[in-house]
Amino acid sequence: MPSRPFYSVSEIQAFEDQAAVPEPSTLILLAAGLVGLGLVGMKKIARRA
């Protein structure tokens, strides 16, 4: 018996049925993170000027 788990092809292909767009909460968190990084970058650029 193999020590690592064996996944059948049908189990792997089951993930393809999921929607390509993530949940709205995930999109909100991602957008908030990008906005935060943008603001930090703008502050650093403003300090140099």
N, C-alpha and C. Protein backbone atom coordinates (compact mmCIF):
# COMPACT_ATOMS: atom_id res chain seq x y z
N MET A 1 0.84 -1.19 0.00
CA MET A 1 0.00 0.00 0.00
C MET A 1 0.89 1.25 0.00
N PRO A 2 0.63 2.21 -0.87
CA PRO A 2 1.47 3.42 -0.91
C PRO A 2 1.26 4.27 0.34
N SER A 3 2.34 4.92 0.79
CA SER A 3 2.25 5.73 2.00
C SER A 3 1.56 7.06 1.75
N ARG A 4 1.67 7.58 0.53
CA ARG A 4 1.01 8.86 0.24
C ARG A 4 -0.40 8.61 -0.28
N PRO A 5 -1.30 9.54 -0.06
CA PRO A 5 -2.69 9.34 -0.51
C PRO A 5 -2.79 9.33 -2.03
N PHE A 6 -3.69 8.52 -2.54
CA PHE A 6 -3.90 8.41 -3.98
C PHE A 6 -5.21 9.09 -4.33
N TYR A 7 -5.13 10.05 -5.23
CA TYR A 7 -6.33 10.78 -5.64
C TYR A 7 -6.71 10.34 -7.04
N SER A 8 -7.95 9.99 -7.21
CA SER A 8 -8.40 9.57 -8.54
C SER A 8 -8.58 10.78 -9.44
N VAL A 9 -8.59 10.55 -10.73
CA VAL A 9 -8.72 11.63 -11.70
C VAL A 9 -10.06 12.33 -11.52
N SER A 10 -11.10 11.60 -11.20
CA SER A 10 -12.42 12.21 -11.04
C SER A 10 -12.44 13.18 -9.86
N GLU A 11 -11.70 12.88 -8.80
CA GLU A 11 -11.65 13.79 -7.66
C GLU A 11 -10.91 15.08 -8.02
N ILE A 12 -9.84 14.96 -8.79
CA ILE A 12 -9.08 16.14 -9.19
C ILE A 12 -9.92 17.00 -10.13
N GLN A 13 -10.65 16.39 -11.04
CA GLN A 13 -11.45 17.15 -11.99
C GLN A 13 -12.67 17.77 -11.33
N ALA A 14 -13.02 17.36 -10.14
CA ALA A 14 -14.18 17.92 -9.46
C ALA A 14 -13.96 19.40 -9.16
N PHE A 15 -12.71 19.81 -8.99
CA PHE A 15 -12.42 21.20 -8.69
C PHE A 15 -12.70 22.11 -9.88
N GLU A 16 -12.72 21.56 -11.08
CA GLU A 16 -12.98 22.38 -12.26
C GLU A 16 -14.43 22.86 -12.30
N ASP A 17 -15.30 22.23 -11.54
CA ASP A 17 -16.70 22.64 -11.52
C ASP A 17 -16.91 23.92 -10.72
N GLN A 18 -15.93 24.27 -9.90
CA GLN A 18 -16.05 25.47 -9.08
C GLN A 18 -16.01 26.71 -9.96
N ALA A 19 -16.62 27.78 -9.48
CA ALA A 19 -16.64 29.04 -10.25
C ALA A 19 -15.23 29.63 -10.31
N ALA A 20 -14.90 30.23 -11.44
CA ALA A 20 -13.58 30.84 -11.61
C ALA A 20 -13.46 32.10 -10.76
N VAL A 21 -14.59 32.75 -10.46
CA VAL A 21 -14.57 33.97 -9.65
C VAL A 21 -14.68 33.59 -8.18
N PRO A 22 -13.76 34.07 -7.33
CA PRO A 22 -13.84 33.72 -5.91
C PRO A 22 -15.02 34.40 -5.22
N GLU A 23 -15.21 34.08 -3.96
CA GLU A 23 -16.33 34.63 -3.20
C GLU A 23 -16.18 36.15 -3.07
N PRO A 24 -17.29 36.87 -2.94
CA PRO A 24 -17.22 38.34 -2.80
C PRO A 24 -16.35 38.78 -1.63
N SER A 25 -16.38 38.05 -0.52
CA SER A 25 -15.57 38.45 0.63
C SER A 25 -14.08 38.37 0.29
N THR A 26 -13.70 37.37 -0.50
CA THR A 26 -12.31 37.25 -0.91
C THR A 26 -11.92 38.41 -1.81
N LEU A 27 -12.82 38.80 -2.71
CA LEU A 27 -12.54 39.93 -3.60
C LEU A 27 -12.41 41.22 -2.80
N ILE A 28 -13.24 41.39 -1.78
CA ILE A 28 -13.18 42.60 -0.95
C ILE A 28 -11.85 42.66 -0.20
N LEU A 29 -11.43 41.54 0.37
CA LEU A 29 -10.16 41.52 1.09
C LEU A 29 -8.99 41.79 0.15
N LEU A 30 -9.03 41.21 -1.04
CA LEU A 30 -7.96 41.42 -2.01
C LEU A 30 -7.92 42.89 -2.44
N ALA A 31 -9.08 43.47 -2.71
CA ALA A 31 -9.13 44.87 -3.12
C ALA A 31 -8.63 45.79 -2.00
N ALA A 32 -9.02 45.50 -0.78
CA ALA A 32 -8.57 46.32 0.35
C ALA A 32 -7.06 46.23 0.52
N GLY A 33 -6.51 45.05 0.33
CA GLY A 33 -5.06 44.88 0.42
C GLY A 33 -4.33 45.65 -0.66
N LEU A 34 -4.85 45.61 -1.88
CA LEU A 34 -4.22 46.35 -2.98
C LEU A 34 -4.30 47.85 -2.76
N VAL A 35 -5.44 48.33 -2.27
CA VAL A 35 -5.59 49.76 -1.98
C VAL A 35 -4.61 50.16 -0.88
N GLY A 36 -4.48 49.33 0.14
CA GLY A 36 -3.54 49.63 1.22
C GLY A 36 -2.11 49.70 0.73
N LEU A 37 -1.72 48.76 -0.11
CA LEU A 37 -0.36 48.78 -0.66
C LEU A 37 -0.15 50.03 -1.52
N GLY A 38 -1.16 50.41 -2.27
CA GLY A 38 -1.06 51.61 -3.11
C GLY A 38 -0.88 52.86 -2.27
N LEU A 39 -1.62 52.96 -1.16
CA LEU A 39 -1.50 54.13 -0.29
C LEU A 39 -0.12 54.19 0.36
N VAL A 40 0.39 53.05 0.77
CA VAL A 40 1.73 53.02 1.38
C VAL A 40 2.77 53.45 0.35
N GLY A 41 2.63 52.97 -0.87
CA GLY A 41 3.56 53.36 -1.93
C GLY A 41 3.50 54.84 -2.23
N MET A 42 2.30 55.40 -2.24
CA MET A 42 2.15 56.84 -2.51
C MET A 42 2.77 57.67 -1.39
N LYS A 43 2.64 57.21 -0.14
CA LYS A 43 3.24 57.94 0.98
C LYS A 43 4.76 57.93 0.87
N LYS A 44 5.34 56.80 0.47
CA LYS A 44 6.80 56.72 0.33
C LYS A 44 7.29 57.63 -0.78
N ILE A 45 6.54 57.68 -1.88
CA ILE A 45 6.93 58.55 -2.99
C ILE A 45 6.79 60.02 -2.57
N ALA A 46 5.75 60.35 -1.81
CA ALA A 46 5.53 61.73 -1.38
C ALA A 46 6.64 62.18 -0.43
N ARG A 47 7.18 61.29 0.38
CA ARG A 47 8.26 61.65 1.31
C ARG A 47 9.54 62.00 0.56
N ARG A 48 9.79 61.31 -0.55
CA ARG A 48 11.02 61.57 -1.31
C ARG A 48 10.99 62.93 -1.98
N ALA A 49 9.81 63.39 -2.37
CA ALA A 49 9.72 64.66 -3.12
C ALA A 49 9.95 65.86 -2.22
